[in-house]
Amino acid sequence: MENLYSSSDRSISCGELYDLSPVPHVVLNGAGTVVHLNGAAADLLGSGATPPEASLATYLPEQERPALQSFLDKIMAGQCAACTITLLRGAAAPIPLRLAGRQLPDAELGLVALLELSGPDYHPREMLERGILKVIDEQTNIVICVKDREGRVRYLNQAMSRFLGRSPEEVLGRCDLEPIADAEQVAQIRANDRRIMETGSTECFEESGTSPAGPWTYLFTKSPYLNREGNVVGIVGIGLDITARKEAEETLKRYAQRLIVVEDDLRKRIAMELHDDVGQELTALTLNLGIIDRNSGPDTAPALRATMDDSRQLIKAIHSSVRSLMVSLHPPQLEEYGLVSAVLTYTKQYQERTGIAVTVQTTPEFPRLDSGREIALFRIVQEALNNVLKHAKATRVSIALAREACVLRLSISDDGKGMALRPGISRLTETGWGLTIMRERAELVGGRFTMTSAPGEGCTIAIEFDEVTWPSIF
């Protein structure tokens, strides 16, 4: 009783604490007059929303009224008490009830008795559960649906009814989903349902469709629905509308895809400026050294000639570095001849610069892709080779560009030291920024990124695209 009725704030009306409770509560003054009752008690007494301003004893048989007064006297004396009564409701059948209560100070009325009414049809826990179920059924925005093994709807709440755009009567006993999804989407939803019933496990699914109101995406948690014997007789689905979130994710993805193109355009501009400015200035410097050399007489100091020769070699080295940087920023072959040609050119320079042997295997069927994917895949090759140089301690790298059935595949393998990929470790902390960037680049253009590695067995990175995703995404 103490835990049930105690309140840390005694300055408010005690009746206000229970106005929203599904359990009937009545507040009596010292004379036994009803001064406050919540909605559940008003329904029980049949008195409407306002207090009847009458003694609770008028609702009892005359022979039970002395017991009620004794019960009330104990409460007003500061004791916790309980008693059993029979509630009379006019022509309706009498209801046996149990009263439990205690004294509480009220901000307006002074000392009052707060009573809780319970009985076979008004048990506090059952009433609370009914109230919760009523909120779930009528007020929540989370959709809830129960289906049998044949997919027929056996229960749905109001949110599910609104989502389907049909009344519960139109849905119950039916299993058609066509109004909210096409044939492929319906097949996927039913496959998810079968999976839950077959495995008996609880899983989450993102399910999508198109209703008359537009496209939708819900995150459904689906669990098996069991009978009393523990047999699976259907599923329970609870869904949260994530349509707005998915639309925001798609918008961000489009921006990120666009940034790939913008980044490459910027790289291209920098490469062109290096060619036009630095390249021309290096050429002019070479010409100036030639003029100095031709105008030098036989008496020119050997040290000066050696310095001039060293300057020519330095200019050649700078020119070579600038050309390598230009290719790294924006290989012209990528735009003119495609990914395969750009990878061949880049790996040749990489091999000359690092001494790491690189082989490139490709198939004649490997097609040209849209610029966004070719840029992303080329940058992945660059990042992978950079990781090999910095971390792998490898001597050989193999790159394969292949078309296998309806799948395009890029793989990069090395014979380096490899690494242990432990489950449960985030990819960022385990593999660093390089692999994270490669994964995100692949996923942004619709690819699947995988990595296999083990200590002493090198590392293989693979990116795959299904044929259905090949058309341009930009």
Protein backbone atom coordinates (compact mmCIF):
# COMPACT_ATOMS: atom_id res chain seq x y z
CA MET A 1 0.00 0.00 0.00
CA GLU A 2 2.80 2.41 0.87
CA ASN A 3 4.47 2.05 -2.53
CA LEU A 4 1.15 2.18 -4.36
CA TYR A 5 -0.03 5.48 -2.95
CA SER A 6 3.08 7.30 -1.77
CA SER A 7 3.97 10.52 -3.58
CA SER A 8 7.05 12.67 -3.33
CA ASP A 9 4.93 15.78 -4.04
CA ARG A 10 2.19 16.28 -1.41
CA SER A 11 1.24 19.77 -2.62
CA ILE A 12 -0.89 18.56 -5.53
CA SER A 13 -4.37 17.11 -5.40
CA CYS A 14 -4.02 13.38 -4.78
CA GLY A 15 -6.85 12.73 -7.24
CA GLU A 16 -4.77 14.27 -10.02
CA LEU A 17 -2.19 11.52 -9.59
CA TYR A 18 -4.66 8.89 -10.81
CA ASP A 19 -6.80 10.70 -13.38
CA LEU A 20 -5.16 8.85 -16.29
CA SER A 21 -4.93 5.46 -14.58
CA PRO A 22 -7.03 2.62 -16.08
CA VAL A 23 -7.56 1.35 -12.51
CA PRO A 24 -10.66 2.81 -10.75
CA HIS A 25 -9.71 5.27 -7.96
CA VAL A 26 -12.09 7.22 -5.72
CA VAL A 27 -11.31 10.01 -3.22
CA LEU A 28 -13.62 10.34 -0.17
CA ASN A 29 -13.72 13.00 2.50
CA GLY A 30 -14.14 12.17 6.18
CA ALA A 31 -17.92 11.91 5.80
CA GLY A 32 -17.60 9.29 3.08
CA THR A 33 -18.69 11.63 0.28
CA VAL A 34 -17.13 11.12 -3.15
CA VAL A 35 -15.11 14.27 -3.91
CA HIS A 36 -13.03 12.99 -6.82
CA LEU A 37 -12.97 9.98 -9.11
CA ASN A 38 -11.00 9.14 -12.20
CA GLY A 39 -12.44 8.09 -15.54
CA ALA A 40 -12.23 4.37 -14.79
CA ALA A 41 -14.18 4.83 -11.54
CA ALA A 42 -16.75 7.07 -13.26
CA ASP A 43 -17.37 4.32 -15.82
CA LEU A 44 -17.69 1.77 -13.03
CA LEU A 45 -20.11 3.85 -10.92
CA GLY A 46 -22.00 5.11 -13.95
CA SER A 47 -21.73 8.67 -12.64
CA GLY A 48 -20.12 10.46 -15.58
CA ALA A 49 -16.96 12.51 -15.40
CA THR A 50 -17.94 14.59 -12.33
CA PRO A 51 -18.16 13.33 -8.73
CA PRO A 52 -21.69 12.27 -7.72
CA GLU A 53 -21.37 14.37 -4.50
CA ALA A 54 -22.97 11.52 -2.59
CA SER A 55 -21.75 9.03 -0.06
CA LEU A 56 -20.19 5.91 -1.49
CA ALA A 57 -22.52 4.04 0.88
CA THR A 58 -25.46 4.84 -1.41
CA TYR A 59 -23.94 2.45 -3.98
CA LEU A 60 -23.92 -0.44 -1.47
CA PRO A 61 -26.60 -2.72 -0.02
CA GLU A 62 -27.80 -1.36 3.32
CA GLN A 63 -26.38 -4.29 5.29
CA GLU A 64 -22.84 -3.55 4.01
CA ARG A 65 -22.82 0.15 4.87
CA PRO A 66 -21.65 -0.25 8.50
CA ALA A 67 -18.64 -2.25 7.30
CA LEU A 68 -17.84 0.50 4.80
CA GLN A 69 -18.02 3.15 7.55
CA SER A 70 -15.74 1.09 9.80
CA PHE A 71 -13.32 0.70 6.90
CA LEU A 72 -13.38 4.46 6.26
CA ASP A 73 -12.86 5.27 9.97
CA LYS A 74 -9.70 3.16 10.00
CA ILE A 75 -8.35 4.97 6.97
CA MET A 76 -9.07 8.43 8.37
CA ALA A 77 -7.36 7.33 11.59
CA GLY A 78 -4.20 6.80 9.56
CA GLN A 79 -4.39 3.04 9.11
CA CYS A 80 -4.15 1.05 5.88
CA ALA A 81 -7.27 -1.04 5.44
CA ALA A 82 -9.23 -3.18 2.99
CA CYS A 83 -12.75 -4.55 2.74
CA THR A 84 -15.08 -6.33 0.34
CA ILE A 85 -18.30 -4.71 -0.92
CA THR A 86 -21.04 -5.31 -3.44
CA LEU A 87 -21.51 -2.42 -5.84
CA LEU A 88 -25.10 -1.73 -6.94
CA ARG A 89 -25.61 -0.15 -10.35
CA GLY A 90 -29.35 0.22 -10.84
CA ALA A 91 -30.77 -2.37 -13.21
CA ALA A 92 -27.32 -3.78 -13.94
CA ALA A 93 -26.05 -6.85 -12.11
CA PRO A 94 -24.25 -6.15 -8.79
CA ILE A 95 -20.44 -6.26 -8.92
CA PRO A 96 -18.35 -7.69 -6.06
CA LEU A 97 -15.41 -5.38 -5.38
CA ARG A 98 -12.47 -5.15 -3.04
CA LEU A 99 -11.63 -1.74 -1.61
CA ALA A 100 -8.10 -0.91 -0.52
CA GLY A 101 -7.04 2.52 0.62
CA ARG A 102 -5.09 4.82 2.85
CA GLN A 103 -5.17 8.35 4.20
CA LEU A 104 -3.50 11.10 2.18
CA PRO A 105 -3.18 14.86 2.69
CA ASP A 106 -4.81 16.81 -0.12
CA ALA A 107 -3.81 20.35 -1.12
CA GLU A 108 -7.44 21.52 -1.13
CA LEU A 109 -9.42 19.17 1.13
CA GLY A 110 -7.01 18.32 3.90
CA LEU A 111 -7.02 14.66 4.94
CA VAL A 112 -8.88 12.38 2.52
CA ALA A 113 -9.19 8.67 1.81
CA LEU A 114 -7.87 7.42 -1.52
CA LEU A 115 -9.48 4.11 -2.48
CA GLU A 116 -8.60 1.61 -5.17
CA LEU A 117 -11.39 -0.60 -6.48
CA SER A 118 -10.64 -4.07 -7.78
CA GLY A 119 -12.55 -7.23 -8.56
CA PRO A 120 -12.86 -10.14 -11.00
CA ASP A 121 -13.30 -7.70 -13.88
CA TYR A 122 -11.38 -4.81 -12.33
CA HIS A 123 -8.10 -6.26 -11.11
CA PRO A 124 -5.49 -3.45 -11.02
CA ARG A 125 -2.87 -5.32 -13.05
CA GLU A 126 -5.38 -6.48 -15.63
CA MET A 127 -6.84 -2.99 -15.87
CA LEU A 128 -3.36 -1.55 -16.33
CA GLU A 129 -2.61 -4.07 -19.06
CA ARG A 130 -5.91 -3.26 -20.75
CA GLY A 131 -5.07 0.42 -20.61
CA ILE A 132 -1.66 -0.17 -22.15
CA LEU A 133 -3.17 -2.34 -24.87
CA LYS A 134 -5.74 0.36 -25.58
CA VAL A 135 -2.98 2.93 -26.05
CA ILE A 136 -1.08 0.54 -28.31
CA ASP A 137 -4.21 -0.18 -30.31
CA GLU A 138 -5.56 3.34 -30.65
CA GLN A 139 -2.88 5.97 -30.03
CA THR A 140 0.60 4.77 -31.00
CA ASN A 141 2.11 5.46 -34.43
CA ILE A 142 3.94 2.12 -34.39
CA VAL A 143 2.18 -0.40 -36.63
CA ILE A 144 1.38 -3.83 -35.16
CA CYS A 145 0.04 -6.82 -37.03
CA VAL A 146 -0.51 -10.50 -36.23
CA LYS A 147 -0.70 -13.02 -39.09
CA ASP A 148 -1.40 -16.75 -39.12
CA ARG A 149 0.74 -19.30 -40.95
CA GLU A 150 -1.15 -18.65 -44.21
CA GLY A 151 -0.42 -14.94 -43.98
CA ARG A 152 -3.97 -13.95 -43.09
CA VAL A 153 -4.23 -10.93 -40.80
CA ARG A 154 -5.66 -11.86 -37.39
CA TYR A 155 -5.05 -8.57 -35.59
CA LEU A 156 -3.96 -5.06 -36.51
CA ASN A 157 -3.89 -1.84 -34.54
CA GLN A 158 -5.23 1.51 -35.72
CA ALA A 159 -1.79 2.64 -36.95
CA MET A 160 -1.60 -0.44 -39.19
CA SER A 161 -5.12 0.24 -40.43
CA ARG A 162 -4.15 3.82 -41.33
CA PHE A 163 -1.00 2.60 -43.06
CA LEU A 164 -2.98 0.14 -45.18
CA GLY A 165 -5.62 2.75 -45.91
CA ARG A 166 -8.39 0.30 -45.03
CA SER A 167 -10.59 -0.40 -42.04
CA PRO A 168 -9.82 -3.39 -39.80
CA GLU A 169 -12.95 -5.11 -41.11
CA GLU A 170 -11.59 -4.91 -44.65
CA VAL A 171 -8.24 -6.41 -43.64
CA LEU A 172 -8.97 -9.09 -41.04
CA GLY A 173 -8.89 -12.60 -42.47
CA ARG A 174 -7.21 -11.47 -45.68
CA CYS A 175 -3.62 -11.75 -46.86
CA ASP A 176 -3.43 -9.48 -49.90
CA LEU A 177 -0.67 -6.86 -49.82
CA GLU A 178 -0.97 -5.70 -53.42
CA PRO A 179 -2.44 -2.28 -52.55
CA ILE A 180 0.80 -1.31 -50.76
CA ALA A 181 3.52 -3.19 -52.67
CA ASP A 182 4.33 -4.62 -56.09
CA ALA A 183 4.73 -8.34 -56.78
CA GLU A 184 8.47 -8.44 -56.04
CA GLN A 185 8.07 -6.52 -52.78
CA VAL A 186 5.15 -8.73 -51.70
CA ALA A 187 7.27 -11.83 -52.38
CA GLN A 188 10.07 -10.44 -50.19
CA ILE A 189 7.69 -9.61 -47.33
CA ARG A 190 6.22 -13.12 -47.42
CA ALA A 191 9.69 -14.65 -47.58
CA ASN A 192 10.63 -12.74 -44.42
CA ASP A 193 7.45 -14.01 -42.72
CA ARG A 194 8.22 -17.61 -43.67
CA ARG A 195 11.76 -17.25 -42.39
CA ILE A 196 10.50 -16.23 -38.94
CA MET A 197 8.01 -19.11 -38.77
CA GLU A 198 10.60 -21.64 -39.94
CA THR A 199 13.44 -20.53 -37.65
CA GLY A 200 11.36 -19.48 -34.65
CA SER A 201 13.68 -16.52 -34.14
CA THR A 202 13.13 -12.78 -33.89
CA GLU A 203 14.67 -10.66 -36.64
CA CYS A 204 14.55 -7.13 -38.03
CA PHE A 205 13.82 -6.37 -41.68
CA GLU A 206 13.67 -3.22 -43.76
CA GLU A 207 10.60 -3.64 -45.94
CA SER A 208 9.55 -1.25 -48.69
CA GLY A 209 6.66 -0.76 -51.03
CA THR A 210 4.53 1.77 -52.85
CA SER A 211 1.05 2.65 -51.67
CA PRO A 212 -1.43 5.16 -53.11
CA ALA A 213 0.11 7.69 -50.70
CA GLY A 214 3.60 7.11 -52.13
CA PRO A 215 6.69 4.98 -51.45
CA TRP A 216 7.24 3.74 -47.91
CA THR A 217 9.93 1.98 -45.89
CA TYR A 218 9.34 0.41 -42.48
CA LEU A 219 11.74 -1.25 -40.07
CA PHE A 220 9.86 -4.36 -38.92
CA THR A 221 10.72 -6.51 -35.93
CA LYS A 222 9.10 -9.89 -36.53
CA SER A 223 8.71 -12.63 -33.94
CA PRO A 224 7.02 -16.04 -33.97
CA TYR A 225 3.49 -16.14 -32.52
CA LEU A 226 3.12 -19.19 -30.27
CA ASN A 227 0.03 -21.03 -29.05
CA ARG A 228 -0.30 -22.46 -25.54
CA GLU A 229 1.58 -25.60 -26.56
CA GLY A 230 4.52 -23.50 -27.75
CA ASN A 231 3.92 -24.18 -31.44
CA VAL A 232 4.45 -21.45 -34.01
CA VAL A 233 1.04 -20.52 -35.39
CA GLY A 234 1.95 -17.22 -37.03
CA ILE A 235 4.03 -14.09 -36.63
CA VAL A 236 3.82 -10.79 -34.78
CA GLY A 237 5.18 -7.79 -36.66
CA ILE A 238 5.96 -4.40 -35.10
CA GLY A 239 6.94 -1.71 -37.59
CA LEU A 240 8.46 1.75 -37.34
CA ASP A 241 8.08 4.16 -40.26
CA ILE A 242 11.58 5.10 -41.46
CA THR A 243 10.52 6.48 -44.83
CA ALA A 244 11.73 10.00 -44.04
CA ARG A 245 15.04 8.68 -42.72
CA LYS A 246 15.62 6.58 -45.84
CA GLU A 247 14.79 9.53 -48.07
CA ALA A 248 17.31 11.63 -46.14
CA GLU A 249 19.92 8.87 -46.50
CA GLU A 250 19.31 8.69 -50.25
CA THR A 251 19.64 12.46 -50.51
CA LEU A 252 22.95 12.36 -48.63
CA LYS A 253 24.09 9.50 -50.85
CA ARG A 254 23.32 11.52 -53.99
CA TYR A 255 25.27 14.47 -52.59
CA ALA A 256 28.20 12.19 -51.74
CA GLN A 257 28.10 10.71 -55.25
CA ARG A 258 28.09 14.18 -56.71
CA LEU A 259 31.07 15.09 -54.53
CA ILE A 260 33.04 12.26 -56.16
CA VAL A 261 32.57 13.91 -59.54
CA VAL A 262 33.27 17.39 -58.16
CA GLU A 263 36.43 16.12 -56.48
CA ASP A 264 37.65 14.59 -59.73
CA ASP A 265 36.88 17.79 -61.63
CA LEU A 266 39.02 19.67 -59.10
CA ARG A 267 41.81 17.13 -59.46
CA LYS A 268 41.59 17.53 -63.23
CA ARG A 269 41.90 21.32 -62.97
CA ILE A 270 44.92 21.04 -60.66
CA ALA A 271 46.57 18.56 -63.06
CA MET A 272 45.97 20.91 -66.00
CA GLU A 273 47.41 23.87 -64.08
CA LEU A 274 50.47 21.82 -63.18
CA HIS A 275 50.89 21.01 -66.86
CA ASP A 276 50.31 24.55 -68.07
CA ASP A 277 52.25 26.43 -65.39
CA VAL A 278 54.88 24.25 -63.73
CA GLY A 279 55.49 22.17 -66.85
CA GLN A 280 56.03 25.20 -69.06
CA GLU A 281 58.27 26.87 -66.49
CA LEU A 282 60.42 23.75 -66.23
CA THR A 283 60.69 23.69 -70.02
CA ALA A 284 61.73 27.36 -70.04
CA LEU A 285 64.33 26.65 -67.37
CA THR A 286 65.75 23.81 -69.49
CA LEU A 287 65.99 26.15 -72.49
CA ASN A 288 67.79 28.77 -70.41
CA LEU A 289 70.35 26.21 -69.30
CA GLY A 290 70.88 25.27 -72.95
CA ILE A 291 71.51 28.91 -73.88
CA ILE A 292 74.01 29.27 -71.04
CA ASP A 293 75.75 26.09 -72.14
CA ARG A 294 76.04 27.21 -75.77
CA ASN A 295 77.42 30.61 -74.78
CA SER A 296 79.98 29.14 -72.44
CA GLY A 297 83.54 29.11 -73.68
CA PRO A 298 86.15 26.39 -73.36
CA ASP A 299 87.54 28.17 -70.35
CA THR A 300 84.33 27.67 -68.33
CA ALA A 301 85.16 26.28 -64.94
CA PRO A 302 84.56 22.51 -64.63
CA ALA A 303 82.67 23.07 -61.38
CA LEU A 304 80.18 25.35 -63.17
CA ARG A 305 79.64 22.81 -65.94
CA ALA A 306 79.05 20.11 -63.32
CA THR A 307 76.49 22.34 -61.61
CA MET A 308 74.71 22.93 -64.93
CA ASP A 309 74.62 19.19 -65.66
CA ASP A 310 73.27 18.55 -62.16
CA SER A 311 70.60 21.22 -62.72
CA ARG A 312 69.48 19.49 -65.93
CA GLN A 313 69.12 16.19 -64.08
CA LEU A 314 67.22 17.94 -61.29
CA ILE A 315 64.84 19.50 -63.82
CA LYS A 316 64.23 16.08 -65.37
CA ALA A 317 63.49 14.61 -61.93
CA ILE A 318 61.08 17.44 -61.09
CA HIS A 319 59.40 17.07 -64.47
CA SER A 320 58.98 13.33 -63.89
CA SER A 321 57.54 13.94 -60.41
CA VAL A 322 55.10 16.50 -61.76
CA ARG A 323 53.96 14.09 -64.49
CA SER A 324 53.45 11.33 -61.89
CA LEU A 325 51.49 13.75 -59.72
CA MET A 326 49.35 14.76 -62.70
CA VAL A 327 48.56 11.12 -63.48
CA SER A 328 47.76 10.49 -59.82
CA LEU A 329 45.45 13.49 -59.70
CA HIS A 330 43.66 12.76 -62.96
CA PRO A 331 44.93 10.14 -65.40
CA PRO A 332 43.91 11.26 -68.91
CA GLN A 333 43.38 7.63 -69.92
CA LEU A 334 40.51 7.32 -67.42
CA GLU A 335 38.37 9.82 -69.26
CA GLU A 336 39.45 8.92 -72.79
CA TYR A 337 39.93 5.15 -72.70
CA GLY A 338 38.34 3.95 -69.47
CA LEU A 339 39.22 2.24 -66.21
CA VAL A 340 41.32 -0.62 -67.59
CA SER A 341 43.68 1.68 -69.50
CA ALA A 342 44.03 4.05 -66.53
CA VAL A 343 44.84 1.19 -64.15
CA LEU A 344 47.47 -0.21 -66.55
CA THR A 345 49.19 3.18 -66.84
CA TYR A 346 49.08 3.91 -63.13
CA THR A 347 50.36 0.48 -62.05
CA LYS A 348 53.27 0.73 -64.50
CA GLN A 349 54.39 3.97 -62.87
CA TYR A 350 53.74 2.53 -59.41
CA GLN A 351 55.93 -0.47 -60.17
CA GLU A 352 58.77 1.73 -61.44
CA ARG A 353 58.54 4.00 -58.41
CA THR A 354 58.25 1.36 -55.66
CA GLY A 355 59.85 -1.79 -57.07
CA ILE A 356 56.72 -3.81 -56.16
CA ALA A 357 55.67 -6.08 -59.03
CA VAL A 358 52.09 -5.47 -60.19
CA THR A 359 50.14 -7.62 -62.64
CA VAL A 360 46.81 -6.56 -64.12
CA GLN A 361 44.43 -9.16 -65.51
CA THR A 362 41.31 -8.20 -67.39
CA THR A 363 38.75 -9.76 -69.71
CA PRO A 364 37.68 -8.40 -73.10
CA GLU A 365 34.10 -8.35 -71.84
CA PHE A 366 34.88 -5.80 -69.12
CA PRO A 367 32.76 -2.78 -70.17
CA ARG A 368 33.14 0.95 -69.89
CA LEU A 369 31.25 2.22 -66.85
CA ASP A 370 29.74 5.57 -66.05
CA SER A 371 32.24 8.21 -64.96
CA GLY A 372 31.20 8.04 -61.31
CA ARG A 373 31.97 4.34 -60.96
CA GLU A 374 35.18 4.51 -62.97
CA ILE A 375 36.44 7.36 -60.82
CA ALA A 376 35.50 5.54 -57.60
CA LEU A 377 37.13 2.26 -58.67
CA PHE A 378 40.30 3.99 -59.83
CA ARG A 379 40.59 5.80 -56.49
CA ILE A 380 40.11 2.46 -54.71
CA VAL A 381 42.98 0.99 -56.74
CA GLN A 382 45.15 3.97 -55.80
CA GLU A 383 44.29 3.68 -52.10
CA ALA A 384 44.83 -0.09 -52.08
CA LEU A 385 48.27 0.22 -53.68
CA ASN A 386 49.13 2.99 -51.25
CA ASN A 387 48.16 0.71 -48.34
CA VAL A 388 50.32 -2.08 -49.78
CA LEU A 389 53.31 0.27 -49.92
CA LYS A 390 52.82 1.60 -46.38
CA HIS A 391 51.69 -1.49 -44.46
CA ALA A 392 51.77 -4.81 -46.29
CA LYS A 393 55.52 -5.40 -46.84
CA ALA A 394 54.51 -7.12 -50.07
CA THR A 395 56.61 -7.93 -53.14
CA ARG A 396 53.76 -8.67 -55.56
CA VAL A 397 50.28 -7.31 -56.20
CA SER A 398 47.67 -8.80 -58.51
CA ILE A 399 44.75 -6.74 -59.85
CA ALA A 400 41.86 -8.38 -61.70
CA LEU A 401 39.04 -6.67 -63.59
CA ALA A 402 36.51 -9.26 -64.68
CA ARG A 403 32.96 -9.72 -65.84
CA GLU A 404 31.56 -12.93 -64.39
CA ALA A 405 28.01 -13.83 -65.46
CA CYS A 406 25.97 -10.77 -64.42
CA VAL A 407 28.56 -9.39 -62.01
CA LEU A 408 31.45 -6.97 -62.48
CA ARG A 409 34.35 -7.59 -60.12
CA LEU A 410 37.49 -5.69 -59.18
CA SER A 411 39.94 -7.49 -56.89
CA ILE A 412 43.32 -6.42 -55.50
CA SER A 413 45.50 -9.07 -53.82
CA ASP A 414 48.97 -8.85 -52.29
CA ASP A 415 51.44 -11.35 -50.84
CA GLY A 416 52.18 -9.22 -47.78
CA LYS A 417 52.03 -9.92 -44.07
CA GLY A 418 48.21 -9.83 -43.89
CA MET A 419 46.20 -9.15 -40.75
CA ALA A 420 43.79 -10.82 -38.36
CA LEU A 421 40.20 -9.70 -38.91
CA ARG A 422 38.56 -10.19 -35.55
CA PRO A 423 34.75 -10.26 -35.31
CA GLY A 424 33.17 -7.56 -33.21
CA ILE A 425 35.89 -4.98 -33.94
CA SER A 426 34.73 -1.92 -35.84
CA ARG A 427 36.17 -1.62 -39.29
CA LEU A 428 37.54 1.86 -38.48
CA THR A 429 39.58 0.80 -35.43
CA GLU A 430 40.60 -2.47 -37.01
CA THR A 431 41.62 -1.42 -40.49
CA GLY A 432 42.15 2.33 -40.32
CA TRP A 433 40.92 5.12 -42.52
CA GLY A 434 42.23 3.73 -45.81
CA LEU A 435 39.99 0.68 -45.94
CA THR A 436 37.08 2.62 -44.50
CA ILE A 437 37.37 5.16 -47.32
CA MET A 438 37.55 2.37 -49.91
CA ARG A 439 34.47 0.69 -48.46
CA GLU A 440 32.50 3.93 -48.46
CA ARG A 441 33.56 4.78 -52.03
CA ALA A 442 32.38 1.36 -53.21
CA GLU A 443 29.05 1.54 -51.38
CA LEU A 444 28.35 5.08 -52.61
CA VAL A 445 28.35 3.85 -56.21
CA GLY A 446 26.31 0.73 -55.49
CA GLY A 447 29.11 -1.78 -54.98
CA ARG A 448 29.69 -4.49 -52.38
CA PHE A 449 33.03 -4.27 -50.59
CA THR A 450 34.66 -7.34 -49.04
CA MET A 451 38.08 -8.00 -47.57
CA THR A 452 39.76 -11.28 -46.68
CA SER A 453 43.06 -11.54 -44.86
CA ALA A 454 44.99 -13.61 -42.36
CA PRO A 455 48.44 -13.23 -40.77
CA GLY A 456 51.12 -14.26 -43.24
CA GLU A 457 48.63 -14.84 -46.07
CA GLY A 458 48.35 -11.40 -47.61
CA CYS A 459 45.15 -9.48 -48.20
CA THR A 460 42.46 -9.42 -50.89
CA ILE A 461 40.02 -6.59 -51.46
CA ALA A 462 37.06 -7.11 -53.80
CA ILE A 463 34.32 -4.83 -55.10
CA GLU A 464 31.34 -6.27 -56.97
CA PHE A 465 28.46 -4.73 -58.91
CA ASP A 466 25.34 -6.54 -60.03
CA GLU A 467 24.41 -6.00 -63.65
CA VAL A 468 21.19 -4.25 -62.67
CA THR A 469 23.24 -1.41 -61.11
CA TRP A 470 25.46 -0.71 -64.10
CA PRO A 471 23.52 2.19 -65.65
CA SER A 472 24.74 5.65 -64.74
CA ILE A 473 23.90 6.82 -61.24
CA PHE A 474 24.90 10.45 -61.76
